[in-house]
Amino acid sequence: MSGRTHARACPERTCVGCRERAAKSDLLRIVAVEGACAPDPRGTLPGRGAYVHPASVCLDLAVRRRAFSRALRAQEALDTAVLREYVEQAAT
C-alpha cells in the first residue's frame, strides 16, 4: 500500500471573526470594493479576499477587531453596512 487516500482534499480558510478554520465552502468571501466590504458568494470578484462565517456573531467579532481592514490590507476603515444586510438576509 502506498498510504495515499482516494478522498479529495477540501480547501480550508480561517474566519476573520472567530479565528476558526473551516471548509472554504462553509465561509463567505469578502472583498473591498470602493471603501466598503462586499460579499462575494461565488468567489469570483477580483482582489484580495477575507473569509467569515455567514453569521452575525462572527461578523460582529470581525468588525469589533477591525479584522476586515487588516485582512484586506485597506488603509482606512471599511463600511460593512452592505455586508451586514447580506448576512441578515442569508440567515432568514
Protein backbone atom coordinates (compact mmCIF):
# COMPACT_ATOMS: atom_id res chain seq x y z
CA MET A 1 0.00 0.00 0.00
CA SER A 2 1.23 3.47 -0.84
CA GLY A 3 -0.60 5.21 2.01
CA ARG A 4 -2.49 7.51 -0.34
CA THR A 5 -6.18 8.10 0.14
CA HIS A 6 -8.70 8.50 -2.60
CA ALA A 7 -10.61 11.26 -0.83
CA ARG A 8 -10.05 14.71 -2.27
CA ALA A 9 -8.63 17.38 -0.02
CA CYS A 10 -11.03 20.18 0.89
CA PRO A 11 -9.51 23.68 0.96
CA GLU A 12 -9.73 25.35 4.36
CA ARG A 13 -9.78 29.02 5.29
CA THR A 14 -9.79 30.88 8.61
CA CYS A 15 -12.77 33.01 9.66
CA VAL A 16 -11.52 36.52 10.46
CA GLY A 17 -14.22 36.85 13.13
CA CYS A 18 -13.93 33.77 15.33
CA ARG A 19 -10.49 32.66 14.01
CA GLU A 20 -11.69 29.07 13.49
CA ARG A 21 -10.67 27.06 10.45
CA ALA A 22 -13.49 25.76 8.28
CA ALA A 23 -14.06 24.44 4.78
CA LYS A 24 -13.90 27.16 2.16
CA SER A 25 -17.43 26.29 1.04
CA ASP A 26 -18.79 26.98 4.55
CA LEU A 27 -17.39 30.53 4.66
CA LEU A 28 -18.36 33.75 2.87
CA ARG A 29 -15.64 35.52 0.90
CA ILE A 30 -15.40 39.28 1.43
CA VAL A 31 -13.61 41.75 -0.86
CA ALA A 32 -13.01 45.50 -0.61
CA VAL A 33 -14.87 47.50 -3.27
CA GLU A 34 -14.60 51.30 -3.19
CA GLY A 35 -14.08 51.59 0.57
CA ALA A 36 -16.73 49.04 1.54
CA CYS A 37 -16.83 45.32 2.30
CA ALA A 38 -18.69 43.48 -0.43
CA PRO A 39 -19.88 39.88 -0.16
CA ASP A 40 -18.55 37.54 -2.85
CA PRO A 41 -20.59 34.33 -2.51
CA ARG A 42 -19.38 32.92 -5.84
CA GLY A 43 -15.75 33.78 -5.12
CA THR A 44 -15.17 35.41 -8.50
CA LEU A 45 -14.60 39.10 -7.70
CA PRO A 46 -11.04 40.29 -8.26
CA GLY A 47 -8.77 41.32 -5.43
CA ARG A 48 -7.69 40.12 -2.05
CA GLY A 49 -10.32 38.26 -0.08
CA ALA A 50 -11.11 37.59 3.55
CA TYR A 51 -13.39 34.85 4.83
CA VAL A 52 -16.05 34.95 7.53
CA HIS A 53 -18.82 32.61 8.66
CA PRO A 54 -22.15 33.90 7.30
CA ALA A 55 -23.41 34.56 10.84
CA SER A 56 -23.95 37.84 12.63
CA VAL A 57 -21.86 36.67 15.61
CA CYS A 58 -18.71 36.23 13.52
CA LEU A 59 -19.43 39.43 11.60
CA ASP A 60 -19.71 41.41 14.85
CA LEU A 61 -16.43 39.94 16.11
CA ALA A 62 -14.65 40.82 12.87
CA VAL A 63 -15.95 44.40 12.94
CA ARG A 64 -15.03 44.87 16.61
CA ARG A 65 -11.49 43.54 15.98
CA ARG A 66 -11.12 45.64 12.79
CA ALA A 67 -10.23 42.41 11.04
CA PHE A 68 -11.52 43.34 7.58
CA SER A 69 -9.22 46.35 7.18
CA ARG A 70 -6.25 44.27 8.30
CA ALA A 71 -7.05 41.17 6.24
CA LEU A 72 -7.85 43.13 3.08
CA ARG A 73 -4.88 45.46 3.62
CA ALA A 74 -7.01 48.58 3.42
CA GLN A 75 -5.63 51.91 4.63
CA GLU A 76 -8.92 53.19 6.03
CA ALA A 77 -11.84 51.62 7.88
CA LEU A 78 -14.23 49.76 5.57
CA ASP A 79 -18.01 50.21 5.59
CA THR A 80 -19.81 46.96 6.48
CA ALA A 81 -23.46 48.01 6.03
CA VAL A 82 -23.96 46.07 2.77
CA LEU A 83 -22.23 43.03 4.23
CA ARG A 84 -24.38 43.11 7.38
CA GLU A 85 -27.54 43.32 5.27
CA TYR A 86 -26.41 40.34 3.16
CA VAL A 87 -25.66 38.20 6.24
CA GLU A 88 -29.02 39.07 7.85
CA GLN A 89 -30.89 38.15 4.65
CA ALA A 90 -28.98 34.85 4.38
CA ALA A 91 -29.92 33.97 7.97
CA THR A 92 -33.66 34.24 7.28
